[in-house]
Amino acid sequence: MTKHKIVTHEFINTKIVSENGVTTVTRDGKTTVVTGWRAWVLTAALMIAGALMIALAAFAVAGSMTLIWLFVLVAIPAIAVIGLINVVLGRN
């Protein structure tokens, strides 16, 4: 049997360790050992959940940057045009 790396996750008083197809979940001092296909499913679910959290963070950053870009692209030139109109019309 090949040895796999240890994967450790800690989240809200829960520690999850996965090694060699055996997943150990420690929560509130109680330890649960998950083996076999359930361990693989649990590990895959944790990896998918982590990937989704990273994707959500990336989506939030991309949304923020889009709003900033739209402000730079629309609002700043509009302010400049209004200022130029005021200068041309002589309003102070």
PDB file of N, CA and C in Angstrom:
ATOM      1  N   MET A   1       0.842  -1.183   0.000  1.00  0.00           N
ATOM      2  CA  MET A   1       0.000   0.000   0.000  1.00  0.00           C
ATOM      3  C   MET A   1       0.885   1.243   0.000  1.00  0.00           C
ATOM      4  N   THR A   2       0.572   2.186  -0.862  1.00  0.00           N
ATOM      5  CA  THR A   2       1.357   3.413  -0.927  1.00  0.00           C
ATOM      6  C   THR A   2       0.925   4.358   0.179  1.00  0.00           C
ATOM      7  N   LYS A   3       1.896   5.093   0.670  1.00  0.00           N
ATOM      8  CA  LYS A   3       1.609   6.033   1.753  1.00  0.00           C
ATOM      9  C   LYS A   3       1.198   7.372   1.164  1.00  0.00           C
ATOM     10  N   HIS A   4       0.078   7.905   1.625  1.00  0.00           N
ATOM     11  CA  HIS A   4      -0.433   9.183   1.159  1.00  0.00           C
ATOM     12  C   HIS A   4      -0.074  10.259   2.163  1.00  0.00           C
ATOM     13  N   LYS A   5      -0.068  11.478   1.691  1.00  0.00           N
ATOM     14  CA  LYS A   5       0.205  12.603   2.577  1.00  0.00           C
ATOM     15  C   LYS A   5      -0.902  12.773   3.599  1.00  0.00           C
ATOM     16  N   ILE A   6      -0.552  13.393   4.696  1.00  0.00           N
ATOM     17  CA  ILE A   6      -1.534  13.710   5.732  1.00  0.00           C
ATOM     18  C   ILE A   6      -2.207  15.027   5.362  1.00  0.00           C
ATOM     19  N   VAL A   7      -3.521  15.027   5.375  1.00  0.00           N
ATOM     20  CA  VAL A   7      -4.290  16.233   5.119  1.00  0.00           C
ATOM     21  C   VAL A   7      -4.999  16.597   6.409  1.00  0.00           C
ATOM     22  N   THR A   8      -4.768  17.797   6.900  1.00  0.00           N
ATOM     23  CA  THR A   8      -5.357  18.219   8.161  1.00  0.00           C
ATOM     24  C   THR A   8      -6.197  19.471   7.933  1.00  0.00           C
ATOM     25  N   HIS A   9      -7.416  19.459   8.450  1.00  0.00           N
ATOM     26  CA  HIS A   9      -8.309  20.610   8.392  1.00  0.00           C
ATOM     27  C   HIS A   9      -8.769  20.909   9.812  1.00  0.00           C
ATOM     28  N   GLU A  10      -8.797  22.177  10.176  1.00  0.00           N
ATOM     29  CA  GLU A  10      -9.347  22.581  11.468  1.00  0.00           C
ATOM     30  C   GLU A  10     -10.381  23.658  11.225  1.00  0.00           C
ATOM     31  N   PHE A  11     -11.575  23.442  11.769  1.00  0.00           N
ATOM     32  CA  PHE A  11     -12.667  24.388  11.549  1.00  0.00           C
ATOM     33  C   PHE A  11     -13.643  24.298  12.715  1.00  0.00           C
ATOM     34  N   ILE A  12     -13.796  25.373  13.464  1.00  0.00           N
ATOM     35  CA  ILE A  12     -14.757  25.498  14.560  1.00  0.00           C
ATOM     36  C   ILE A  12     -14.728  24.264  15.475  1.00  0.00           C
ATOM     37  N   ASN A  13     -13.687  24.156  16.253  1.00  0.00           N
ATOM     38  CA  ASN A  13     -13.533  23.088  17.251  1.00  0.00           C
ATOM     39  C   ASN A  13     -13.578  21.683  16.642  1.00  0.00           C
ATOM     40  N   THR A  14     -13.282  21.547  15.368  1.00  0.00           N
ATOM     41  CA  THR A  14     -13.268  20.246  14.710  1.00  0.00           C
ATOM     42  C   THR A  14     -11.939  20.087  13.999  1.00  0.00           C
ATOM     43  N   LYS A  15     -11.276  18.959  14.235  1.00  0.00           N
ATOM     44  CA  LYS A  15     -10.017  18.670  13.563  1.00  0.00           C
ATOM     45  C   LYS A  15     -10.203  17.408  12.743  1.00  0.00           C
ATOM     46  N   ILE A  16      -9.857  17.485  11.471  1.00  0.00           N
ATOM     47  CA  ILE A  16     -10.021  16.351  10.566  1.00  0.00           C
ATOM     48  C   ILE A  16      -8.644  16.007  10.008  1.00  0.00           C
ATOM     49  N   VAL A  17      -8.220  14.754  10.203  1.00  0.00           N
ATOM     50  CA  VAL A  17      -6.932  14.292   9.704  1.00  0.00           C
ATOM     51  C   VAL A  17      -7.182  13.105   8.788  1.00  0.00           C
ATOM     52  N   SER A  18      -6.618  13.163   7.580  1.00  0.00           N
ATOM     53  CA  SER A  18      -6.791  12.079   6.614  1.00  0.00           C
ATOM     54  C   SER A  18      -5.422  11.535   6.255  1.00  0.00           C
ATOM     55  N   GLU A  19      -5.223  10.230   6.437  1.00  0.00           N
ATOM     56  CA  GLU A  19      -3.937   9.598   6.144  1.00  0.00           C
ATOM     57  C   GLU A  19      -4.166   8.149   5.739  1.00  0.00           C
ATOM     58  N   ASN A  20      -3.615   7.764   4.596  1.00  0.00           N
ATOM     59  CA  ASN A  20      -3.680   6.379   4.114  1.00  0.00           C
ATOM     60  C   ASN A  20      -5.103   5.840   4.041  1.00  0.00           C
ATOM     61  N   GLY A  21      -6.036   6.638   3.595  1.00  0.00           N
ATOM     62  CA  GLY A  21      -7.405   6.160   3.439  1.00  0.00           C
ATOM     63  C   GLY A  21      -8.182   6.085   4.736  1.00  0.00           C
ATOM     64  N   VAL A  22      -7.621   6.608   5.831  1.00  0.00           N
ATOM     65  CA  VAL A  22      -8.312   6.628   7.121  1.00  0.00           C
ATOM     66  C   VAL A  22      -8.485   8.086   7.518  1.00  0.00           C
ATOM     67  N   THR A  23      -9.700   8.477   7.790  1.00  0.00           N
ATOM     68  CA  THR A  23      -9.984   9.847   8.197  1.00  0.00           C
ATOM     69  C   THR A  23     -10.415   9.851   9.652  1.00  0.00           C
ATOM     70  N   THR A  24      -9.768  10.717  10.439  1.00  0.00           N
ATOM     71  CA  THR A  24     -10.078  10.842  11.856  1.00  0.00           C
ATOM     72  C   THR A  24     -10.680  12.217  12.092  1.00  0.00           C
ATOM     73  N   VAL A  25     -11.868  12.245  12.689  1.00  0.00           N
ATOM     74  CA  VAL A  25     -12.560  13.496  12.989  1.00  0.00           C
ATOM     75  C   VAL A  25     -12.610  13.646  14.506  1.00  0.00           C
ATOM     76  N   THR A  26     -12.029  14.741  15.019  1.00  0.00           N
ATOM     77  CA  THR A  26     -12.061  15.021  16.449  1.00  0.00           C
ATOM     78  C   THR A  26     -12.895  16.268  16.672  1.00  0.00           C
ATOM     79  N   ARG A  27     -13.968  16.115  17.442  1.00  0.00           N
ATOM     80  CA  ARG A  27     -14.872  17.228  17.702  1.00  0.00           C
ATOM     81  C   ARG A  27     -15.273  17.193  19.160  1.00  0.00           C
ATOM     82  N   ASP A  28     -15.037  18.288  19.859  1.00  0.00           N
ATOM     83  CA  ASP A  28     -15.386  18.423  21.278  1.00  0.00           C
ATOM     84  C   ASP A  28     -14.810  17.281  22.114  1.00  0.00           C
ATOM     85  N   GLY A  29     -13.572  16.893  21.794  1.00  0.00           N
ATOM     86  CA  GLY A  29     -12.914  15.843  22.566  1.00  0.00           C
ATOM     87  C   GLY A  29     -13.284  14.428  22.175  1.00  0.00           C
ATOM     88  N   LYS A  30     -14.237  14.239  21.292  1.00  0.00           N
ATOM     89  CA  LYS A  30     -14.645  12.907  20.846  1.00  0.00           C
ATOM     90  C   LYS A  30     -14.029  12.640  19.475  1.00  0.00           C
ATOM     91  N   THR A  31     -13.460  11.442  19.314  1.00  0.00           N
ATOM     92  CA  THR A  31     -12.795  11.083  18.069  1.00  0.00           C
ATOM     93  C   THR A  31     -13.603  10.028  17.329  1.00  0.00           C
ATOM     94  N   THR A  32     -13.796  10.255  16.046  1.00  0.00           N
ATOM     95  CA  THR A  32     -14.490   9.305  15.182  1.00  0.00           C
ATOM     96  C   THR A  32     -13.537   8.915  14.064  1.00  0.00           C
ATOM     97  N   VAL A  33     -13.378   7.627  13.833  1.00  0.00           N
ATOM     98  CA  VAL A  33     -12.510   7.136  12.772  1.00  0.00           C
ATOM     99  C   VAL A  33     -13.385   6.659  11.620  1.00  0.00           C
ATOM    100  N   VAL A  34     -13.106   7.165  10.438  1.00  0.00           N
ATOM    101  CA  VAL A  34     -13.854   6.796   9.242  1.00  0.00           C
ATOM    102  C   VAL A  34     -12.874   6.108   8.295  1.00  0.00           C
ATOM    103  N   THR A  35     -13.238   4.909   7.839  1.00  0.00           N
ATOM    104  CA  THR A  35     -12.351   4.159   6.954  1.00  0.00           C
ATOM    105  C   THR A  35     -13.081   3.762   5.676  1.00  0.00           C
ATOM    106  N   GLY A  36     -12.304   3.229   4.738  1.00  0.00           N
ATOM    107  CA  GLY A  36     -12.892   2.702   3.509  1.00  0.00           C
ATOM    108  C   GLY A  36     -13.423   3.787   2.600  1.00  0.00           C
ATOM    109  N   TRP A  37     -14.493   3.435   1.897  1.00  0.00           N
ATOM    110  CA  TRP A  37     -15.040   4.360   0.907  1.00  0.00           C
ATOM    111  C   TRP A  37     -15.625   5.602   1.563  1.00  0.00           C
ATOM    112  N   ARG A  38     -16.090   5.477   2.808  1.00  0.00           N
ATOM    113  CA  ARG A  38     -16.634   6.654   3.497  1.00  0.00           C
ATOM    114  C   ARG A  38     -15.543   7.698   3.745  1.00  0.00           C
ATOM    115  N   ALA A  39     -14.338   7.225   4.038  1.00  0.00           N
ATOM    116  CA  ALA A  39     -13.221   8.152   4.247  1.00  0.00           C
ATOM    117  C   ALA A  39     -12.896   8.901   2.954  1.00  0.00           C
ATOM    118  N   TRP A  40     -12.918   8.174   1.834  1.00  0.00           N
ATOM    119  CA  TRP A  40     -12.640   8.821   0.562  1.00  0.00           C
ATOM    120  C   TRP A  40     -13.727   9.827   0.203  1.00  0.00           C
ATOM    121  N   VAL A  41     -14.969   9.482   0.458  1.00  0.00           N
ATOM    122  CA  VAL A  41     -16.079  10.403   0.173  1.00  0.00           C
ATOM    123  C   VAL A  41     -15.975  11.638   1.066  1.00  0.00           C
ATOM    124  N   LEU A  42     -15.662  11.437   2.346  1.00  0.00           N
ATOM    125  CA  LEU A  42     -15.520  12.558   3.276  1.00  0.00           C
ATOM    126  C   LEU A  42     -14.374  13.475   2.850  1.00  0.00           C
ATOM    127  N   THR A  43     -13.247  12.889   2.481  1.00  0.00           N
ATOM    128  CA  THR A  43     -12.103  13.692   2.042  1.00  0.00           C
ATOM    129  C   THR A  43     -12.435  14.451   0.763  1.00  0.00           C
ATOM    130  N   ALA A  44     -13.092  13.781  -0.189  1.00  0.00           N
ATOM    131  CA  ALA A  44     -13.478  14.456  -1.432  1.00  0.00           C
ATOM    132  C   ALA A  44     -14.449  15.603  -1.148  1.00  0.00           C
ATOM    133  N   ALA A  45     -15.401  15.383  -0.243  1.00  0.00           N
ATOM    134  CA  ALA A  45     -16.362  16.435   0.105  1.00  0.00           C
ATOM    135  C   ALA A  45     -15.654  17.629   0.738  1.00  0.00           C
ATOM    136  N   LEU A  46     -14.676  17.359   1.592  1.00  0.00           N
ATOM    137  CA  LEU A  46     -13.926  18.457   2.218  1.00  0.00           C
ATOM    138  C   LEU A  46     -13.116  19.226   1.183  1.00  0.00           C
ATOM    139  N   MET A  47     -12.530  18.516   0.241  1.00  0.00           N
ATOM    140  CA  MET A  47     -11.764  19.201  -0.796  1.00  0.00           C
ATOM    141  C   MET A  47     -12.676  20.039  -1.692  1.00  0.00           C
ATOM    142  N   ILE A  48     -13.841  19.508  -2.030  1.00  0.00           N
ATOM    143  CA  ILE A  48     -14.792  20.269  -2.848  1.00  0.00           C
ATOM    144  C   ILE A  48     -15.284  21.497  -2.079  1.00  0.00           C
ATOM    145  N   ALA A  49     -15.567  21.341  -0.786  1.00  0.00           N
ATOM    146  CA  ALA A  49     -16.006  22.477   0.029  1.00  0.00           C
ATOM    147  C   ALA A  49     -14.917  23.544   0.100  1.00  0.00           C
ATOM    148  N   GLY A  50     -13.676  23.132   0.256  1.00  0.00           N
ATOM    149  CA  GLY A  50     -12.568  24.094   0.277  1.00  0.00           C
ATOM    150  C   GLY A  50     -12.424  24.816  -1.048  1.00  0.00           C
ATOM    151  N   ALA A  51     -12.547  24.077  -2.145  1.00  0.00           N
ATOM    152  CA  ALA A  51     -12.455  24.693  -3.466  1.00  0.00           C
ATOM    153  C   ALA A  51     -13.599  25.682  -3.693  1.00  0.00           C
ATOM    154  N   LEU A  52     -14.792  25.336  -3.225  1.00  0.00           N
ATOM    155  CA  LEU A  52     -15.926  26.254  -3.367  1.00  0.00           C
ATOM    156  C   LEU A  52     -15.735  27.522  -2.544  1.00  0.00           C
ATOM    157  N   MET A  53     -15.143  27.388  -1.353  1.00  0.00           N
ATOM    158  CA  MET A  53     -14.884  28.584  -0.541  1.00  0.00           C
ATOM    159  C   MET A  53     -13.850  29.480  -1.212  1.00  0.00           C
ATOM    160  N   ILE A  54     -12.828  28.880  -1.810  1.00  0.00           N
ATOM    161  CA  ILE A  54     -11.830  29.674  -2.531  1.00  0.00           C
ATOM    162  C   ILE A  54     -12.473  30.348  -3.745  1.00  0.00           C
ATOM    163  N   ALA A  55     -13.329  29.617  -4.469  1.00  0.00           N
ATOM    164  CA  ALA A  55     -14.008  30.189  -5.626  1.00  0.00           C
ATOM    165  C   ALA A  55     -14.928  31.343  -5.211  1.00  0.00           C
ATOM    166  N   LEU A  56     -15.607  31.190  -4.083  1.00  0.00           N
ATOM    167  CA  LEU A  56     -16.474  32.259  -3.593  1.00  0.00           C
ATOM    168  C   LEU A  56     -15.661  33.502  -3.255  1.00  0.00           C
ATOM    169  N   ALA A  57     -14.519  33.315  -2.618  1.00  0.00           N
ATOM    170  CA  ALA A  57     -13.654  34.450  -2.294  1.00  0.00           C
ATOM    171  C   ALA A  57     -13.154  35.125  -3.574  1.00  0.00           C
ATOM    172  N   ALA A  58     -12.766  34.322  -4.567  1.00  0.00           N
ATOM    173  CA  ALA A  58     -12.301  34.888  -5.838  1.00  0.00           C
ATOM    174  C   ALA A  58     -13.427  35.645  -6.533  1.00  0.00           C
ATOM    175  N   PHE A  59     -14.651  35.110  -6.474  1.00  0.00           N
ATOM    176  CA  PHE A  59     -15.796  35.784  -7.077  1.00  0.00           C
ATOM    177  C   PHE A  59     -16.056  37.129  -6.389  1.00  0.00           C
ATOM    178  N   ALA A  60     -15.942  37.157  -5.062  1.00  0.00           N
ATOM    179  CA  ALA A  60     -16.148  38.412  -4.330  1.00  0.00           C
ATOM    180  C   ALA A  60     -15.091  39.442  -4.695  1.00  0.00           C
ATOM    181  N   VAL A  61     -13.852  39.009  -4.817  1.00  0.00           N
ATOM    182  CA  VAL A  61     -12.775  39.932  -5.191  1.00  0.00           C
ATOM    183  C   VAL A  61     -13.003  40.443  -6.615  1.00  0.00           C
ATOM    184  N   ALA A  62     -13.371  39.537  -7.530  1.00  0.00           N
ATOM    185  CA  ALA A  62     -13.621  39.950  -8.909  1.00  0.00           C
ATOM    186  C   ALA A  62     -14.786  40.928  -8.984  1.00  0.00           C
ATOM    187  N   GLY A  63     -15.825  40.716  -8.194  1.00  0.00           N
ATOM    188  CA  GLY A  63     -16.958  41.636  -8.164  1.00  0.00           C
ATOM    189  C   GLY A  63     -16.561  43.002  -7.650  1.00  0.00           C
ATOM    190  N   SER A  64     -15.749  43.030  -6.606  1.00  0.00           N
ATOM    191  CA  SER A  64     -15.275  44.305  -6.070  1.00  0.00           C
ATOM    192  C   SER A  64     -14.432  45.051  -7.091  1.00  0.00           C
ATOM    193  N   MET A  65     -13.554  44.331  -7.759  1.00  0.00           N
ATOM    194  CA  MET A  65     -12.706  44.976  -8.754  1.00  0.00           C
ATOM    195  C   MET A  65     -13.537  45.483  -9.940  1.00  0.00           C
ATOM    196  N   THR A  66     -14.599  44.769 -10.294  1.00  0.00           N
ATOM    197  CA  THR A  66     -15.475  45.220 -11.375  1.00  0.00           C
ATOM    198  C   THR A  66     -16.169  46.530 -10.992  1.00  0.00           C
ATOM    199  N   LEU A  67     -16.633  46.628  -9.769  1.00  0.00           N
ATOM    200  CA  LEU A  67     -17.273  47.870  -9.322  1.00  0.00           C
ATOM    201  C   LEU A  67     -16.297  49.032  -9.320  1.00  0.00           C
ATOM    202  N   ILE A  68     -15.081  48.790  -8.868  1.00  0.00           N
ATOM    203  CA  ILE A  68     -14.072  49.861  -8.871  1.00  0.00           C
ATOM    204  C   ILE A  68     -13.762  50.284 -10.296  1.00  0.00           C
ATOM    205  N   TRP A  69     -13.621  49.304 -11.213  1.00  0.00           N
ATOM    206  CA  TRP A  69     -13.336  49.615 -12.612  1.00  0.00           C
ATOM    207  C   TRP A  69     -14.470  50.426 -13.238  1.00  0.00           C
ATOM    208  N   LEU A  70     -15.714  50.048 -12.952  1.00  0.00           N
ATOM    209  CA  LEU A  70     -16.837  50.812 -13.491  1.00  0.00           C
ATOM    210  C   LEU A  70     -16.851  52.238 -12.956  1.00  0.00           C
ATOM    211  N   PHE A  71     -16.505  52.425 -11.700  1.00  0.00           N
ATOM    212  CA  PHE A  71     -16.433  53.765 -11.132  1.00  0.00           C
ATOM    213  C   PHE A  71     -15.371  54.578 -11.857  1.00  0.00           C
ATOM    214  N   VAL A  72     -14.206  53.974 -12.069  1.00  0.00           N
ATOM    215  CA  VAL A  72     -13.125  54.677 -12.759  1.00  0.00           C
ATOM    216  C   VAL A  72     -13.520  54.980 -14.196  1.00  0.00           C
ATOM    217  N   LEU A  73     -14.190  54.046 -14.844  1.00  0.00           N
ATOM    218  CA  LEU A  73     -14.529  54.190 -16.256  1.00  0.00           C
ATOM    219  C   LEU A  73     -15.668  55.181 -16.496  1.00  0.00           C
ATOM    220  N   VAL A  74     -16.627  55.278 -15.569  1.00  0.00           N
ATOM    221  CA  VAL A  74     -17.827  56.089 -15.802  1.00  0.00           C
ATOM    222  C   VAL A  74     -17.857  57.350 -14.935  1.00  0.00           C
ATOM    223  N   ALA A  75     -17.710  57.198 -13.651  1.00  0.00           N
ATOM    224  CA  ALA A  75     -17.942  58.328 -12.745  1.00  0.00           C
ATOM    225  C   ALA A  75     -16.868  59.413 -12.857  1.00  0.00           C
ATOM    226  N   ILE A  76     -15.618  59.031 -12.927  1.00  0.00           N
ATOM    227  CA  ILE A  76     -14.559  60.044 -12.964  1.00  0.00           C
ATOM    228  C   ILE A  76     -14.619  60.868 -14.256  1.00  0.00           C
ATOM    229  N   PRO A  77     -14.769  60.256 -15.436  1.00  0.00           N
ATOM    230  CA  PRO A  77     -14.935  61.108 -16.636  1.00  0.00           C
ATOM    231  C   PRO A  77     -16.205  61.954 -16.581  1.00  0.00           C
ATOM    232  N   ALA A  78     -17.275  61.445 -16.021  1.00  0.00           N
ATOM    233  CA  ALA A  78     -18.504  62.243 -15.909  1.00  0.00           C
ATOM    234  C   ALA A  78     -18.270  63.458 -15.026  1.00  0.00           C
ATOM    235  N   ILE A  79     -17.562  63.296 -13.944  1.00  0.00           N
ATOM    236  CA  ILE A  79     -17.243  64.426 -13.064  1.00  0.00           C
ATOM    237  C   ILE A  79     -16.380  65.447 -13.803  1.00  0.00           C
ATOM    238  N   ALA A  80     -15.418  64.935 -14.589  1.00  0.00           N
ATOM    239  CA  ALA A  80     -14.554  65.844 -15.352  1.00  0.00           C
ATOM    240  C   ALA A  80     -15.351  66.629 -16.394  1.00  0.00           C
ATOM    241  N   VAL A  81     -16.267  65.966 -17.092  1.00  0.00           N
ATOM    242  CA  VAL A  81     -17.094  66.648 -18.101  1.00  0.00           C
ATOM    243  C   VAL A  81     -17.978  67.698 -17.440  1.00  0.00           C
ATOM    244  N   ILE A  82     -18.589  67.389 -16.322  1.00  0.00           N
ATOM    245  CA  ILE A  82     -19.418  68.367 -15.611  1.00  0.00           C
ATOM    246  C   ILE A  82     -18.579  69.557 -15.174  1.00  0.00           C
ATOM    247  N   GLY A  83     -17.362  69.298 -14.722  1.00  0.00           N
ATOM    248  CA  GLY A  83     -16.467  70.393 -14.332  1.00  0.00           C
ATOM    249  C   GLY A  83     -16.088  71.278 -15.522  1.00  0.00           C
ATOM    250  N   LEU A  84     -15.826  70.659 -16.653  1.00  0.00           N
ATOM    251  CA  LEU A  84     -15.508  71.451 -17.845  1.00  0.00           C
ATOM    252  C   LEU A  84     -16.705  72.289 -18.311  1.00  0.00           C
ATOM    253  N   ILE A  85     -17.902  71.728 -18.263  1.00  0.00           N
ATOM    254  CA  ILE A  85     -19.101  72.483 -18.623  1.00  0.00           C
ATOM    255  C   ILE A  85     -19.276  73.676 -17.706  1.00  0.00           C
ATOM    256  N   ASN A  86     -19.024  73.486 -16.425  1.00  0.00           N
ATOM    257  CA  ASN A  86     -19.135  74.595 -15.488  1.00  0.00           C
ATOM    258  C   ASN A  86     -18.108  75.685 -15.782  1.00  0.00           C
ATOM    259  N   VAL A  87     -16.906  75.291 -16.167  1.00  0.00           N
ATOM    260  CA  VAL A  87     -15.869  76.266 -16.494  1.00  0.00           C
ATOM    261  C   VAL A  87     -16.254  77.032 -17.750  1.00  0.00           C
ATOM    262  N   VAL A  88     -16.747  76.330 -18.767  1.00  0.00           N
ATOM    263  CA  VAL A  88     -17.126  76.987 -20.031  1.00  0.00           C
ATOM    264  C   VAL A  88     -18.298  77.925 -19.831  1.00  0.00           C
ATOM    265  N   LEU A  89     -19.281  77.523 -19.050  1.00  0.00           N
ATOM    266  CA  LEU A  89     -20.446  78.361 -18.845  1.00  0.00           C
ATOM    267  C   LEU A  89     -20.213  79.463 -17.819  1.00  0.00           C
ATOM    268  N   GLY A  90     -19.085  79.468 -17.171  1.00  0.00           N
ATOM    269  CA  GLY A  90     -18.738  80.521 -16.245  1.00  0.00           C
ATOM    270  C   GLY A  90     -19.345  80.391 -14.869  1.00  0.00           C
ATOM    271  N   ARG A  91     -19.872  79.243 -14.517  1.00  0.00           N
ATOM    272  CA  ARG A  91     -20.425  79.049 -13.166  1.00  0.00           C
ATOM    273  C   ARG A  91     -19.311  78.594 -12.233  1.00  0.00           C
ATOM    274  N   ASN A  92     -19.253  79.169 -11.080  1.00  0.00           N
ATOM    275  CA  ASN A  92     -18.215  78.783 -10.124  1.00  0.00           C
ATOM    276  C   ASN A  92     -18.812  78.070  -8.962  1.00  0.00           C
TER     277      ASN A  92
END
